């Protein structure tokens, strides 16, 4: 299989856990996304 055929026929299969995400984690993700959309640099480290 050549690379173009591989790219064209690629399929993603995801497996998700049934584990709730903590509200603090969700709020941090939203804060990072908001900063990114406003043109600020993303940083995953805690400050």
C-alpha atoms as a PDB file:
ATOM      1  CA  UNK A   1       0.000   0.000   0.000  1.00  0.00           C
ATOM      2  CA  UNK A   2       1.470   3.365  -0.957  1.00  0.00           C
ATOM      3  CA  UNK A   3       1.274   6.410   1.314  1.00  0.00           C
ATOM      4  CA  UNK A   4      -1.501   8.174  -0.634  1.00  0.00           C
ATOM      5  CA  UNK A   5      -3.740   5.124  -0.515  1.00  0.00           C
ATOM      6  CA  UNK A   6      -3.014   4.797   3.194  1.00  0.00           C
ATOM      7  CA  UNK A   7      -3.998   8.432   3.836  1.00  0.00           C
ATOM      8  CA  UNK A   8      -7.152   8.191   1.702  1.00  0.00           C
ATOM      9  CA  UNK A   9      -8.384   5.003   3.382  1.00  0.00           C
ATOM     10  CA  UNK A  10      -7.363   5.900   6.959  1.00  0.00           C
ATOM     11  CA  UNK A  11     -10.001   5.325   9.623  1.00  0.00           C
ATOM     12  CA  UNK A  12      -9.896   6.298  13.275  1.00  0.00           C
ATOM     13  CA  UNK A  13     -11.356   4.127  15.990  1.00  0.00           C
ATOM     14  CA  UNK A  14     -11.503   5.603  19.469  1.00  0.00           C
ATOM     15  CA  UNK A  15     -12.241   3.933  22.739  1.00  0.00           C
ATOM     16  CA  UNK A  16     -13.656   6.129  25.493  1.00  0.00           C
ATOM     17  CA  UNK A  17     -13.782   5.507  29.213  1.00  0.00           C
ATOM     18  CA  UNK A  18     -16.944   5.924  31.246  1.00  0.00           C
ATOM     19  CA  UNK A  19     -15.033   7.950  33.847  1.00  0.00           C
ATOM     20  CA  UNK A  20     -16.253  11.443  34.695  1.00  0.00           C
ATOM     21  CA  UNK A  21     -13.833  14.318  34.187  1.00  0.00           C
ATOM     22  CA  UNK A  22     -13.316  16.526  37.228  1.00  0.00           C
ATOM     23  CA  UNK A  23     -14.838  19.993  36.973  1.00  0.00           C
ATOM     24  CA  UNK A  24     -11.448  21.580  37.763  1.00  0.00           C
ATOM     25  CA  UNK A  25      -9.896  19.827  34.747  1.00  0.00           C
ATOM     26  CA  UNK A  26     -12.719  20.936  32.446  1.00  0.00           C
ATOM     27  CA  UNK A  27     -12.427  24.530  33.643  1.00  0.00           C
ATOM     28  CA  UNK A  28      -8.658  24.508  33.012  1.00  0.00           C
ATOM     29  CA  UNK A  29      -9.207  23.182  29.464  1.00  0.00           C
ATOM     30  CA  UNK A  30     -11.795  25.895  28.795  1.00  0.00           C
ATOM     31  CA  UNK A  31      -9.452  28.547  30.217  1.00  0.00           C
ATOM     32  CA  UNK A  32      -6.634  27.368  27.935  1.00  0.00           C
ATOM     33  CA  UNK A  33      -8.929  27.280  24.920  1.00  0.00           C
ATOM     34  CA  UNK A  34     -10.233  30.774  25.645  1.00  0.00           C
ATOM     35  CA  UNK A  35      -6.665  32.087  25.907  1.00  0.00           C
ATOM     36  CA  UNK A  36      -5.701  30.327  22.691  1.00  0.00           C
ATOM     37  CA  UNK A  37      -8.660  31.800  20.819  1.00  0.00           C
ATOM     38  CA  UNK A  38      -7.633  35.237  22.096  1.00  0.00           C
ATOM     39  CA  UNK A  39      -4.110  34.738  20.719  1.00  0.00           C
ATOM     40  CA  UNK A  40      -2.360  33.921  23.976  1.00  0.00           C
ATOM     41  CA  UNK A  41       0.185  31.119  24.331  1.00  0.00           C
ATOM     42  CA  UNK A  42      -1.084  27.764  25.599  1.00  0.00           C
ATOM     43  CA  UNK A  43       0.576  26.299  28.677  1.00  0.00           C
ATOM     44  CA  UNK A  44      -0.477  23.027  30.265  1.00  0.00           C
ATOM     45  CA  UNK A  45       1.708  23.516  33.347  1.00  0.00           C
ATOM     46  CA  UNK A  46       0.002  24.587  36.526  1.00  0.00           C
ATOM     47  CA  UNK A  47       0.762  28.082  37.708  1.00  0.00           C
END
